[in-house]
C-alpha atoms as a PDB file:
ATOM      1  CA  MET A   1      12.090  -5.169  -3.469  1.00  0.00           C
ATOM      2  CA  LYS A   2      13.792  -3.714  -0.485  1.00  0.00           C
ATOM      3  CA  GLU A   3      16.744  -5.510   1.028  1.00  0.00           C
ATOM      4  CA  GLU A   4      14.955  -5.477   4.388  1.00  0.00           C
ATOM      5  CA  PHE A   5      12.665  -8.267   3.104  1.00  0.00           C
ATOM      6  CA  TYR A   6      15.342 -10.381   1.474  1.00  0.00           C
ATOM      7  CA  SER A   7      17.901 -10.163   4.246  1.00  0.00           C
ATOM      8  CA  VAL A   8      15.373 -11.505   6.761  1.00  0.00           C
ATOM      9  CA  ALA A   9      13.578 -13.923   4.435  1.00  0.00           C
ATOM     10  CA  PHE A  10      16.707 -15.687   3.213  1.00  0.00           C
ATOM     11  CA  ARG A  11      18.232 -15.812   6.664  1.00  0.00           C
ATOM     12  CA  LYS A  12      15.154 -17.479   8.192  1.00  0.00           C
ATOM     13  CA  THR A  13      13.807 -19.650   5.387  1.00  0.00           C
ATOM     14  CA  PHE A  14      15.179 -21.676   2.535  1.00  0.00           C
ATOM     15  CA  HIS A  15      12.718 -21.473  -0.349  1.00  0.00           C
ATOM     16  CA  GLU A  16      12.800 -24.621  -2.442  1.00  0.00           C
ATOM     17  CA  TRP A  17      10.097 -23.396  -4.780  1.00  0.00           C
ATOM     18  CA  LEU A  18       9.377 -20.074  -6.405  1.00  0.00           C
ATOM     19  CA  GLU A  19       5.805 -20.312  -5.112  1.00  0.00           C
ATOM     20  CA  GLN A  20       7.088 -20.388  -1.516  1.00  0.00           C
ATOM     21  CA  LEU A  21       9.175 -17.289  -2.090  1.00  0.00           C
ATOM     22  CA  GLN A  22       6.230 -15.561  -3.797  1.00  0.00           C
ATOM     23  CA  ALA A  23       3.913 -16.365  -0.869  1.00  0.00           C
ATOM     24  CA  ASP A  24       6.417 -14.892   1.609  1.00  0.00           C
ATOM     25  CA  LEU A  25       6.883 -11.847  -0.603  1.00  0.00           C
ATOM     26  CA  ASP A  26       3.111 -11.343  -0.852  1.00  0.00           C
ATOM     27  CA  ARG A  27       2.802 -11.483   2.954  1.00  0.00           C
ATOM     28  CA  TYR A  28       5.615  -8.962   3.327  1.00  0.00           C
ATOM     29  CA  VAL A  29       4.098  -6.544   0.803  1.00  0.00           C
ATOM     30  CA  GLU A  30       0.762  -6.742   2.651  1.00  0.00           C
ATOM     31  CA  PHE A  31       2.536  -6.017   5.952  1.00  0.00           C
ATOM     32  CA  TYR A  32       4.654  -3.237   4.437  1.00  0.00           C
ATOM     33  CA  ASN A  33       1.705  -1.417   2.854  1.00  0.00           C
ATOM     34  CA  ARG A  34      -1.075  -1.977   5.403  1.00  0.00           C
ATOM     35  CA  GLU A  35       0.499  -2.542   8.832  1.00  0.00           C
ATOM     36  CA  ARG A  36       3.952  -0.944   9.032  1.00  0.00           C
ATOM     37  CA  ALA A  37       3.816   2.786   9.732  1.00  0.00           C
ATOM     38  CA  HIS A  38       6.200   4.876   7.631  1.00  0.00           C
ATOM     39  CA  GLN A  39       8.011   8.032   8.670  1.00  0.00           C
ATOM     40  CA  GLY A  40       8.178   9.656   5.257  1.00  0.00           C
ATOM     41  CA  TYR A  41       7.254  13.267   4.522  1.00  0.00           C
ATOM     42  CA  ARG A  42       3.909  12.390   2.965  1.00  0.00           C
ATOM     43  CA  THR A  43       2.975   9.409   5.117  1.00  0.00           C
ATOM     44  CA  GLN A  44       3.656  11.108   8.479  1.00  0.00           C
ATOM     45  CA  GLY A  45       3.473   7.896  10.501  1.00  0.00           C
ATOM     46  CA  ARG A  46       0.618   6.341   8.532  1.00  0.00           C
ATOM     47  CA  THR A  47       0.816   3.219   6.429  1.00  0.00           C
ATOM     48  CA  PRO A  48       1.143   3.678   2.652  1.00  0.00           C
ATOM     49  CA  TYR A  49      -2.359   2.233   2.231  1.00  0.00           C
ATOM     50  CA  GLN A  50      -3.859   4.707   4.707  1.00  0.00           C
ATOM     51  CA  THR A  51      -2.021   7.544   2.971  1.00  0.00           C
ATOM     52  CA  PHE A  52      -3.566   6.405  -0.326  1.00  0.00           C
ATOM     53  CA  VAL A  53      -7.078   6.193   1.145  1.00  0.00           C
ATOM     54  CA  ASP A  54      -6.723   9.597   2.815  1.00  0.00           C
ATOM     55  CA  GLY A  55      -5.535  11.025  -0.496  1.00  0.00           C
ATOM     56  CA  ILE A  56      -8.673   9.779  -2.237  1.00  0.00           C
ATOM     57  CA  GLY A  57     -10.796  11.544   0.366  1.00  0.00           C
ATOM     58  CA  ALA A  58      -8.820  14.762  -0.010  1.00  0.00           C
ATOM     59  CA  MET A  59      -9.113  14.548  -3.796  1.00  0.00           C
ATOM     60  CA  ARG A  60     -12.898  14.140  -3.562  1.00  0.00           C
ATOM     61  CA  GLU A  61     -13.169  17.108  -1.190  1.00  0.00           C
ATOM     62  CA  ARG A  62     -11.165  19.316  -3.568  1.00  0.00           C
ATOM     63  CA  SER A  63     -13.285  18.178  -6.517  1.00  0.00           C
ATOM     64  CA  GLU A  64     -16.490  18.989  -4.643  1.00  0.00           C
ATOM     65  CA  LYS A  65     -15.182  22.448  -3.720  1.00  0.00           C
ATOM     66  CA  LEU A  66     -14.371  23.097  -7.375  1.00  0.00           C
ATOM     67  CA  GLY A  67     -17.813  21.885  -8.406  1.00  0.00           C
ATOM     68  CA  ALA A  68     -16.497  18.932 -10.379  1.00  0.00           C
ATOM     69  CA  ASN A  69     -18.985  16.172 -11.069  1.00  0.00           C
ATOM     70  CA  SER A  70     -17.936  12.620 -10.354  1.00  0.00           C
ATOM     71  CA  SER A  71     -19.050   9.839 -12.605  1.00  0.00           C
ATOM     72  CA  PRO A  72     -19.098   6.079 -11.987  1.00  0.00           C
ATOM     73  CA  GLU A  73     -16.139   5.709 -14.341  1.00  0.00           C
ATOM     74  CA  THR A  74     -13.965   7.917 -12.138  1.00  0.00           C
ATOM     75  CA  GLU A  75     -14.969   6.472  -8.778  1.00  0.00           C
ATOM     76  CA  VAL A  76     -12.123   4.801  -6.909  1.00  0.00           C
ATOM     77  CA  ASN A  77     -12.632   1.882  -4.540  1.00  0.00           C
ATOM     78  CA  PRO A  78      -9.652   1.757  -2.141  1.00  0.00           C
ATOM     79  CA  GLU A  79     -10.537  -1.791  -1.071  1.00  0.00           C
ATOM     80  CA  ALA A  80      -9.916  -2.968  -4.640  1.00  0.00           C
ATOM     81  CA  ALA A  81      -6.316  -1.744  -4.435  1.00  0.00           C
END
């Protein structure tokens, strides 16, 4: 996990239990992936989650253009991620 989580988390909170640390880590991962915009080449200011969802849409469009058939086994639900 990135130092940017740990440097802030350990400076602000003393975690007596592993469960407390895990809960804070889970909140940070949710924030990092769904709320914090990234400036990377592929994300271009979007969140990683939005980049993933947009990629699914682009993949489906390319498949349709190529005439590929989708089956229920290959369907992806981004909300399950």
